PDB file of N, CA and C in Angstrom:
ATOM      1  N   UNK A   1    -132.826  42.800  39.633  1.00  0.00           N
ATOM      2  CA  UNK A   1    -133.673  42.672  38.473  1.00  0.00           C
ATOM      3  C   UNK A   1    -133.110  43.373  37.241  1.00  0.00           C
ATOM      4  N   UNK A   2    -132.290  44.402  37.379  1.00  0.00           N
ATOM      5  CA  UNK A   2    -131.734  45.030  36.181  1.00  0.00           C
ATOM      6  C   UNK A   2    -130.874  44.055  35.371  1.00  0.00           C
ATOM      7  N   UNK A   3    -130.326  43.044  36.038  1.00  0.00           N
ATOM      8  CA  UNK A   3    -129.501  42.072  35.341  1.00  0.00           C
ATOM      9  C   UNK A   3    -130.333  41.289  34.330  1.00  0.00           C
ATOM     10  N   UNK A   4    -131.581  40.968  34.677  1.00  0.00           N
ATOM     11  CA  UNK A   4    -132.458  40.237  33.766  1.00  0.00           C
ATOM     12  C   UNK A   4    -132.779  41.059  32.530  1.00  0.00           C
ATOM     13  N   UNK A   5    -133.066  42.328  32.718  1.00  0.00           N
ATOM     14  CA  UNK A   5    -133.385  43.174  31.571  1.00  0.00           C
ATOM     15  C   UNK A   5    -132.167  43.367  30.679  1.00  0.00           C
ATOM     16  N   UNK A   6    -130.973  43.425  31.278  1.00  0.00           N
ATOM     17  CA  UNK A   6    -129.750  43.530  30.479  1.00  0.00           C
ATOM     18  C   UNK A   6    -129.549  42.286  29.632  1.00  0.00           C
ATOM     19  N   UNK A   7    -129.810  41.125  30.200  1.00  0.00           N
ATOM     20  CA  UNK A   7    -129.653  39.871  29.479  1.00  0.00           C
ATOM     21  C   UNK A   7    -130.673  39.767  28.342  1.00  0.00           C
ATOM     22  N   UNK A   8    -131.891  40.160  28.609  1.00  0.00           N
ATOM     23  CA  UNK A   8    -132.931  40.128  27.573  1.00  0.00           C
ATOM     24  C   UNK A   8    -132.570  41.102  26.447  1.00  0.00           C
ATOM     25  N   UNK A   9    -132.101  42.278  26.803  1.00  0.00           N
ATOM     26  CA  UNK A   9    -131.705  43.269  25.793  1.00  0.00           C
ATOM     27  C   UNK A   9    -130.519  42.763  24.969  1.00  0.00           C
ATOM     28  N   UNK A  10    -129.568  42.108  25.616  1.00  0.00           N
ATOM     29  CA  UNK A  10    -128.422  41.548  24.908  1.00  0.00           C
ATOM     30  C   UNK A  10    -128.854  40.440  23.956  1.00  0.00           C
ATOM     31  N   UNK A  11    -129.749  39.571  24.379  1.00  0.00           N
ATOM     32  CA  UNK A  11    -130.251  38.495  23.520  1.00  0.00           C
ATOM     33  C   UNK A  11    -131.031  39.073  22.346  1.00  0.00           C
ATOM     34  N   UNK A  12    -131.831  40.093  22.595  1.00  0.00           N
ATOM     35  CA  UNK A  12    -132.583  40.742  21.518  1.00  0.00           C
ATOM     36  C   UNK A  12    -131.637  41.379  20.506  1.00  0.00           C
ATOM     37  N   UNK A  13    -130.627  42.063  21.002  1.00  0.00           N
ATOM     38  CA  UNK A  13    -129.645  42.698  20.108  1.00  0.00           C
ATOM     39  C   UNK A  13    -128.886  41.662  19.294  1.00  0.00           C
ATOM     40  N   UNK A  14    -128.538  40.547  19.919  1.00  0.00           N
ATOM     41  CA  UNK A  14    -127.804  39.490  19.213  1.00  0.00           C
ATOM     42  C   UNK A  14    -128.657  38.875  18.114  1.00  0.00           C
ATOM     43  N   UNK A  15    -129.908  38.596  18.407  1.00  0.00           N
ATOM     44  CA  UNK A  15    -130.794  38.022  17.394  1.00  0.00           C
ATOM     45  C   UNK A  15    -131.048  39.006  16.252  1.00  0.00           C
ATOM     46  N   UNK A  16    -131.289  40.249  16.586  1.00  0.00           N
ATOM     47  CA  UNK A  16    -131.527  41.255  15.557  1.00  0.00           C
ATOM     48  C   UNK A  16    -130.286  41.457  14.691  1.00  0.00           C
ATOM     49  N   UNK A  17    -129.118  41.504  15.309  1.00  0.00           N
ATOM     50  CA  UNK A  17    -127.884  41.647  14.540  1.00  0.00           C
ATOM     51  C   UNK A  17    -127.654  40.447  13.637  1.00  0.00           C
ATOM     52  N   UNK A  18    -127.938  39.259  14.128  1.00  0.00           N
ATOM     53  CA  UNK A  18    -127.787  38.062  13.304  1.00  0.00           C
ATOM     54  C   UNK A  18    -128.692  38.072  12.099  1.00  0.00           C
ATOM     55  N   UNK A  19    -129.925  38.505  12.287  1.00  0.00           N
ATOM     56  CA  UNK A  19    -130.877  38.573  11.173  1.00  0.00           C
ATOM     57  C   UNK A  19    -130.444  39.628  10.162  1.00  0.00           C
ATOM     58  N   UNK A  20    -130.023  40.789  10.650  1.00  0.00           N
ATOM     59  CA  UNK A  20    -129.599  41.869   9.759  1.00  0.00           C
ATOM     60  C   UNK A  20    -128.351  41.472   8.983  1.00  0.00           C
ATOM     61  N   UNK A  21    -127.438  40.759   9.626  1.00  0.00           N
ATOM     62  CA  UNK A  21    -126.182  40.391   8.987  1.00  0.00           C
ATOM     63  C   UNK A  21    -126.390  39.330   7.909  1.00  0.00           C
ATOM     64  N   UNK A  22    -127.247  38.367   8.148  1.00  0.00           N
ATOM     65  CA  UNK A  22    -127.408  37.270   7.188  1.00  0.00           C
ATOM     66  C   UNK A  22    -128.436  37.599   6.109  1.00  0.00           C
ATOM     67  N   UNK A  23    -129.247  38.633   6.305  1.00  0.00           N
ATOM     68  CA  UNK A  23    -130.306  38.968   5.349  1.00  0.00           C
ATOM     69  C   UNK A  23    -129.805  39.219   3.926  1.00  0.00           C
ATOM     70  N   UNK A  24    -128.731  39.974   3.707  1.00  0.00           N
ATOM     71  CA  UNK A  24    -128.297  40.191   2.317  1.00  0.00           C
ATOM     72  C   UNK A  24    -127.941  38.896   1.593  1.00  0.00           C
ATOM     73  N   UNK A  25    -127.298  37.983   2.285  1.00  0.00           N
ATOM     74  CA  UNK A  25    -126.917  36.710   1.667  1.00  0.00           C
ATOM     75  C   UNK A  25    -128.170  35.899   1.325  1.00  0.00           C
ATOM     76  N   UNK A  26    -129.130  35.872   2.220  1.00  0.00           N
ATOM     77  CA  UNK A  26    -130.353  35.124   1.962  1.00  0.00           C
ATOM     78  C   UNK A  26    -131.182  35.751   0.841  1.00  0.00           C
ATOM     79  N   UNK A  27    -131.222  37.074   0.784  1.00  0.00           N
ATOM     80  CA  UNK A  27    -131.979  37.748  -0.276  1.00  0.00           C
ATOM     81  C   UNK A  27    -131.359  37.450  -1.636  1.00  0.00           C
ATOM     82  N   UNK A  28    -130.027  37.498  -1.720  1.00  0.00           N
ATOM     83  CA  UNK A  28    -129.352  37.170  -2.979  1.00  0.00           C
ATOM     84  C   UNK A  28    -129.637  35.733  -3.369  1.00  0.00           C
ATOM     85  N   UNK A  29    -129.585  34.814  -2.413  1.00  0.00           N
ATOM     86  CA  UNK A  29    -129.891  33.416  -2.701  1.00  0.00           C
ATOM     87  C   UNK A  29    -131.316  33.232  -3.185  1.00  0.00           C
ATOM     88  N   UNK A  30    -132.233  33.954  -2.581  1.00  0.00           N
ATOM     89  CA  UNK A  30    -133.632  33.860  -2.997  1.00  0.00           C
ATOM     90  C   UNK A  30    -133.833  34.391  -4.411  1.00  0.00           C
ATOM     91  N   UNK A  31    -133.247  35.553  -4.703  1.00  0.00           N
ATOM     92  CA  UNK A  31    -133.415  36.163  -6.025  1.00  0.00           C
ATOM     93  C   UNK A  31    -132.788  35.285  -7.105  1.00  0.00           C
ATOM     94  N   UNK A  32    -131.572  34.820  -6.873  1.00  0.00           N
ATOM     95  CA  UNK A  32    -130.905  33.982  -7.873  1.00  0.00           C
ATOM     96  C   UNK A  32    -131.636  32.650  -8.018  1.00  0.00           C
ATOM     97  N   UNK A  33    -132.102  32.082  -6.935  1.00  0.00           N
ATOM     98  CA  UNK A  33    -132.860  30.836  -7.006  1.00  0.00           C
ATOM     99  C   UNK A  33    -134.155  30.998  -7.781  1.00  0.00           C
ATOM    100  N   UNK A  34    -134.825  32.131  -7.574  1.00  0.00           N
ATOM    101  CA  UNK A  34    -136.059  32.403  -8.311  1.00  0.00           C
ATOM    102  C   UNK A  34    -135.784  32.568  -9.802  1.00  0.00           C
ATOM    103  N   UNK A  35    -134.734  33.315 -10.131  1.00  0.00           N
ATOM    104  CA  UNK A  35    -134.382  33.490 -11.544  1.00  0.00           C
ATOM    105  C   UNK A  35    -133.976  32.164 -12.188  1.00  0.00           C
ATOM    106  N   UNK A  36    -133.223  31.356 -11.457  1.00  0.00           N
ATOM    107  CA  UNK A  36    -132.830  30.050 -11.987  1.00  0.00           C
ATOM    108  C   UNK A  36    -134.067  29.168 -12.185  1.00  0.00           C
ATOM    109  N   UNK A  37    -135.013  29.244 -11.283  1.00  0.00           N
ATOM    110  CA  UNK A  37    -136.257  28.488 -11.432  1.00  0.00           C
ATOM    111  C   UNK A  37    -137.058  28.927 -12.645  1.00  0.00           C
ATOM    112  N   UNK A  38    -137.084  30.234 -12.877  1.00  0.00           N
ATOM    113  CA  UNK A  38    -137.784  30.745 -14.061  1.00  0.00           C
ATOM    114  C   UNK A  38    -137.098  30.278 -15.345  1.00  0.00           C
ATOM    115  N   UNK A  39    -135.774  30.304 -15.360  1.00  0.00           N
ATOM    116  CA  UNK A  39    -135.038  29.831 -16.536  1.00  0.00           C
ATOM    117  C   UNK A  39    -135.278  28.338 -16.742  1.00  0.00           C
ATOM    118  N   UNK A  40    -135.276  27.576 -15.656  1.00  0.00           N
ATOM    119  CA  UNK A  40    -135.535  26.138 -15.770  1.00  0.00           C
ATOM    120  C   UNK A  40    -136.939  25.878 -16.301  1.00  0.00           C
ATOM    121  N   UNK A  41    -137.901  26.643 -15.820  1.00  0.00           N
ATOM    122  CA  UNK A  41    -139.273  26.452 -16.284  1.00  0.00           C
ATOM    123  C   UNK A  41    -139.421  26.837 -17.758  1.00  0.00           C
ATOM    124  N   UNK A  42    -138.711  27.873 -18.162  1.00  0.00           N
ATOM    125  CA  UNK A  42    -138.814  28.335 -19.543  1.00  0.00           C
ATOM    126  C   UNK A  42    -138.126  27.385 -20.521  1.00  0.00           C
ATOM    127  N   UNK A  43    -137.024  26.778 -20.073  1.00  0.00           N
ATOM    128  CA  UNK A  43    -136.262  25.911 -20.979  1.00  0.00           C
ATOM    129  C   UNK A  43    -136.658  24.446 -20.869  1.00  0.00           C
ATOM    130  N   UNK A  44    -137.324  24.084 -19.801  1.00  0.00           N
ATOM    131  CA  UNK A  44    -137.705  22.689 -19.611  1.00  0.00           C
ATOM    132  C   UNK A  44    -136.607  21.840 -19.008  1.00  0.00           C
ATOM    133  N   UNK A  45    -135.503  22.450 -18.595  1.00  0.00           N
ATOM    134  CA  UNK A  45    -134.410  21.728 -17.936  1.00  0.00           C
ATOM    135  C   UNK A  45    -134.718  21.702 -16.441  1.00  0.00           C
ATOM    136  N   UNK A  46    -134.875  20.507 -15.906  1.00  0.00           N
ATOM    137  CA  UNK A  46    -135.265  20.396 -14.494  1.00  0.00           C
ATOM    138  C   UNK A  46    -134.228  19.647 -13.672  1.00  0.00           C
ATOM    139  N   UNK A  47    -132.972  19.929 -13.904  1.00  0.00           N
ATOM    140  CA  UNK A  47    -131.901  19.365 -13.088  1.00  0.00           C
ATOM    141  C   UNK A  47    -131.707  20.232 -11.857  1.00  0.00           C
ATOM    142  N   UNK A  48    -131.586  19.616 -10.698  1.00  0.00           N
ATOM    143  CA  UNK A  48    -131.422  20.383  -9.468  1.00  0.00           C
ATOM    144  C   UNK A  48    -130.097  21.129  -9.437  1.00  0.00           C
ATOM    145  N   UNK A  49    -129.074  20.566 -10.020  1.00  0.00           N
ATOM    146  CA  UNK A  49    -127.759  21.184  -9.985  1.00  0.00           C
ATOM    147  C   UNK A  49    -127.745  22.510 -10.745  1.00  0.00           C
ATOM    148  N   UNK A  50    -128.606  22.636 -11.764  1.00  0.00           N
ATOM    149  CA  UNK A  50    -128.676  23.875 -12.547  1.00  0.00           C
ATOM    150  C   UNK A  50    -129.175  25.026 -11.670  1.00  0.00           C
ATOM    151  N   UNK A  51    -130.039  24.764 -10.749  1.00  0.00           N
ATOM    152  CA  UNK A  51    -130.518  25.804  -9.842  1.00  0.00           C
ATOM    153  C   UNK A  51    -129.628  25.995  -8.635  1.00  0.00           C
ATOM    154  N   UNK A  52    -128.949  24.935  -8.238  1.00  0.00           N
ATOM    155  CA  UNK A  52    -128.147  24.992  -7.014  1.00  0.00           C
ATOM    156  C   UNK A  52    -126.836  25.732  -7.205  1.00  0.00           C
ATOM    157  N   UNK A  53    -126.134  25.451  -8.278  1.00  0.00           N
ATOM    158  CA  UNK A  53    -124.799  26.025  -8.471  1.00  0.00           C
ATOM    159  C   UNK A  53    -124.830  27.552  -8.571  1.00  0.00           C
ATOM    160  N   UNK A  54    -125.684  28.149  -9.396  1.00  0.00           N
ATOM    161  CA  UNK A  54    -125.699  29.624  -9.432  1.00  0.00           C
ATOM    162  C   UNK A  54    -126.101  30.243  -8.092  1.00  0.00           C
ATOM    163  N   UNK A  55    -127.029  29.605  -7.399  1.00  0.00           N
ATOM    164  CA  UNK A  55    -127.465  30.121  -6.097  1.00  0.00           C
ATOM    165  C   UNK A  55    -126.319  30.096  -5.099  1.00  0.00           C
ATOM    166  N   UNK A  56    -125.608  28.977  -5.034  1.00  0.00           N
ATOM    167  CA  UNK A  56    -124.480  28.883  -4.110  1.00  0.00           C
ATOM    168  C   UNK A  56    -123.370  29.854  -4.486  1.00  0.00           C
ATOM    169  N   UNK A  57    -123.087  29.973  -5.774  1.00  0.00           N
ATOM    170  CA  UNK A  57    -122.041  30.901  -6.217  1.00  0.00           C
ATOM    171  C   UNK A  57    -122.400  32.342  -5.856  1.00  0.00           C
ATOM    172  N   UNK A  58    -123.642  32.730  -6.066  1.00  0.00           N
ATOM    173  CA  UNK A  58    -124.069  34.094  -5.740  1.00  0.00           C
ATOM    174  C   UNK A  58    -124.030  34.338  -4.229  1.00  0.00           C
ATOM    175  N   UNK A  59    -124.426  33.342  -3.455  1.00  0.00           N
ATOM    176  CA  UNK A  59    -124.414  33.507  -1.999  1.00  0.00           C
ATOM    177  C   UNK A  59    -122.986  33.598  -1.465  1.00  0.00           C
ATOM    178  N   UNK A  60    -122.088  32.792  -2.009  1.00  0.00           N
ATOM    179  CA  UNK A  60    -120.683  32.858  -1.579  1.00  0.00           C
ATOM    180  C   UNK A  60    -120.074  34.196  -1.980  1.00  0.00           C
ATOM    181  N   UNK A  61    -120.378  34.664  -3.192  1.00  0.00           N
ATOM    182  CA  UNK A  61    -119.873  35.966  -3.631  1.00  0.00           C
ATOM    183  C   UNK A  61    -120.388  37.086  -2.728  1.00  0.00           C
ATOM    184  N   UNK A  62    -121.658  37.039  -2.380  1.00  0.00           N
ATOM    185  CA  UNK A  62    -122.224  38.057  -1.498  1.00  0.00           C
ATOM    186  C   UNK A  62    -121.606  37.973  -0.113  1.00  0.00           C
ATOM    187  N   UNK A  63    -121.351  36.778   0.347  1.00  0.00           N
ATOM    188  CA  UNK A  63    -120.708  36.594   1.652  1.00  0.00           C
ATOM    189  C   UNK A  63    -119.314  37.198   1.655  1.00  0.00           C
ATOM    190  N   UNK A  64    -118.560  36.965   0.597  1.00  0.00           N
ATOM    191  CA  UNK A  64    -117.203  37.512   0.503  1.00  0.00           C
ATOM    192  C   UNK A  64    -117.247  39.039   0.444  1.00  0.00           C
ATOM    193  N   UNK A  65    -118.180  39.584  -0.321  1.00  0.00           N
ATOM    194  CA  UNK A  65    -118.286  41.037  -0.459  1.00  0.00           C
ATOM    195  C   UNK A  65    -118.711  41.691   0.853  1.00  0.00           C
ATOM    196  N   UNK A  66    -119.643  41.089   1.554  1.00  0.00           N
ATOM    197  CA  UNK A  66    -120.186  41.723   2.753  1.00  0.00           C
ATOM    198  C   UNK A  66    -119.526  41.264   4.055  1.00  0.00           C
ATOM    199  N   UNK A  67    -118.523  40.438   3.978  1.00  0.00           N
ATOM    200  CA  UNK A  67    -117.877  39.936   5.193  1.00  0.00           C
ATOM    201  C   UNK A  67    -117.296  41.038   6.084  1.00  0.00           C
ATOM    202  N   UNK A  68    -116.595  42.034   5.529  1.00  0.00           N
ATOM    203  CA  UNK A  68    -116.088  43.095   6.426  1.00  0.00           C
ATOM    204  C   UNK A  68    -117.202  43.811   7.185  1.00  0.00           C
ATOM    205  N   UNK A  69    -118.305  44.076   6.514  1.00  0.00           N
ATOM    206  CA  UNK A  69    -119.432  44.730   7.179  1.00  0.00           C
ATOM    207  C   UNK A  69    -120.018  43.832   8.266  1.00  0.00           C
ATOM    208  N   UNK A  70    -120.121  42.528   7.967  1.00  0.00           N
ATOM    209  CA  UNK A  70    -120.659  41.575   8.948  1.00  0.00           C
ATOM    210  C   UNK A  70    -119.789  41.525  10.199  1.00  0.00           C
ATOM    211  N   UNK A  71    -118.486  41.461   9.997  1.00  0.00           N
ATOM    212  CA  UNK A  71    -117.566  41.413  11.136  1.00  0.00           C
ATOM    213  C   UNK A  71    -117.675  42.692  11.950  1.00  0.00           C
ATOM    214  N   UNK A  72    -117.781  43.828  11.279  1.00  0.00           N
ATOM    215  CA  UNK A  72    -117.911  45.109  11.974  1.00  0.00           C
ATOM    216  C   UNK A  72    -119.168  45.148  12.836  1.00  0.00           C
ATOM    217  N   UNK A  73    -120.275  44.643  12.303  1.00  0.00           N
ATOM    218  CA  UNK A  73    -121.524  44.607  13.074  1.00  0.00           C
ATOM    219  C   UNK A  73    -121.381  43.752  14.332  1.00  0.00           C
ATOM    220  N   UNK A  74    -120.753  42.579  14.186  1.00  0.00           N
ATOM    221  CA  UNK A  74    -120.595  41.703  15.342  1.00  0.00           C
ATOM    222  C   UNK A  74    -119.604  42.261  16.349  1.00  0.00           C
ATOM    223  N   UNK A  75    -118.563  42.942  15.890  1.00  0.00           N
ATOM    224  CA  UNK A  75    -117.627  43.580  16.815  1.00  0.00           C
ATOM    225  C   UNK A  75    -118.352  44.648  17.616  1.00  0.00           C
ATOM    226  N   UNK A  76    -119.202  45.434  16.961  1.00  0.00           N
ATOM    227  CA  UNK A  76    -119.996  46.437  17.669  1.00  0.00           C
ATOM    228  C   UNK A  76    -120.890  45.804  18.719  1.00  0.00           C
ATOM    229  N   UNK A  77    -121.501  44.674  18.361  1.00  0.00           N
ATOM    230  CA  UNK A  77    -122.366  43.970  19.312  1.00  0.00           C
ATOM    231  C   UNK A  77    -121.567  43.485  20.511  1.00  0.00           C
ATOM    232  N   UNK A  78    -120.405  42.894  20.269  1.00  0.00           N
ATOM    233  CA  UNK A  78    -119.596  42.367  21.369  1.00  0.00           C
ATOM    234  C   UNK A  78    -119.047  43.492  22.245  1.00  0.00           C
ATOM    235  N   UNK A  79    -118.699  44.602  21.621  1.00  0.00           N
ATOM    236  CA  UNK A  79    -118.217  45.744  22.421  1.00  0.00           C
ATOM    237  C   UNK A  79    -119.327  46.291  23.309  1.00  0.00           C
ATOM    238  N   UNK A  80    -120.523  46.382  22.779  1.00  0.00           N
ATOM    239  CA  UNK A  80    -121.621  46.878  23.598  1.00  0.00           C
ATOM    240  C   UNK A  80    -121.976  45.877  24.696  1.00  0.00           C
ATOM    241  N   UNK A  81    -121.817  44.586  24.414  1.00  0.00           N
ATOM    242  CA  UNK A  81    -122.099  43.571  25.429  1.00  0.00           C
ATOM    243  C   UNK A  81    -121.058  43.611  26.547  1.00  0.00           C
ATOM    244  N   UNK A  82    -119.822  43.943  26.182  1.00  0.00           N
ATOM    245  CA  UNK A  82    -118.747  43.987  27.183  1.00  0.00           C
ATOM    246  C   UNK A  82    -118.757  45.303  27.941  1.00  0.00           C
ATOM    247  N   UNK A  83    -119.578  46.247  27.507  1.00  0.00           N
ATOM    248  CA  UNK A  83    -119.664  47.532  28.203  1.00  0.00           C
ATOM    249  C   UNK A  83    -118.642  48.529  27.705  1.00  0.00           C
ATOM    250  N   UNK A  84    -117.970  48.217  26.608  1.00  0.00           N
ATOM    251  CA  UNK A  84    -116.983  49.130  26.035  1.00  0.00           C
ATOM    252  C   UNK A  84    -117.642  50.201  25.208  1.00  0.00           C
ATOM    253  N   UNK A  85    -116.818  51.024  24.587  1.00  0.00           N
ATOM    254  CA  UNK A  85    -117.351  52.115  23.768  1.00  0.00           C
ATOM    255  C   UNK A  85    -117.686  51.674  22.379  1.00  0.00           C
TER     256      UNK A  85
END
């Protein structure tokens, strides 16, 4: 039975790590999308591309900036799953 609890703990850790790792990118996308929506509402420009391009650019920039941290988090998860230090 300890094997089942180990598997559940590993799945929980993997899901939590995935959420923590992707959260900064999603938060940046949400903030930039909200600001772009406010600008669109204020100016009366309702083209979808005007809101999409800044959001994608900000999310890609955040992904590039936080990629080393993301990889480090996943390496830690895999090491703990393999029983390493």
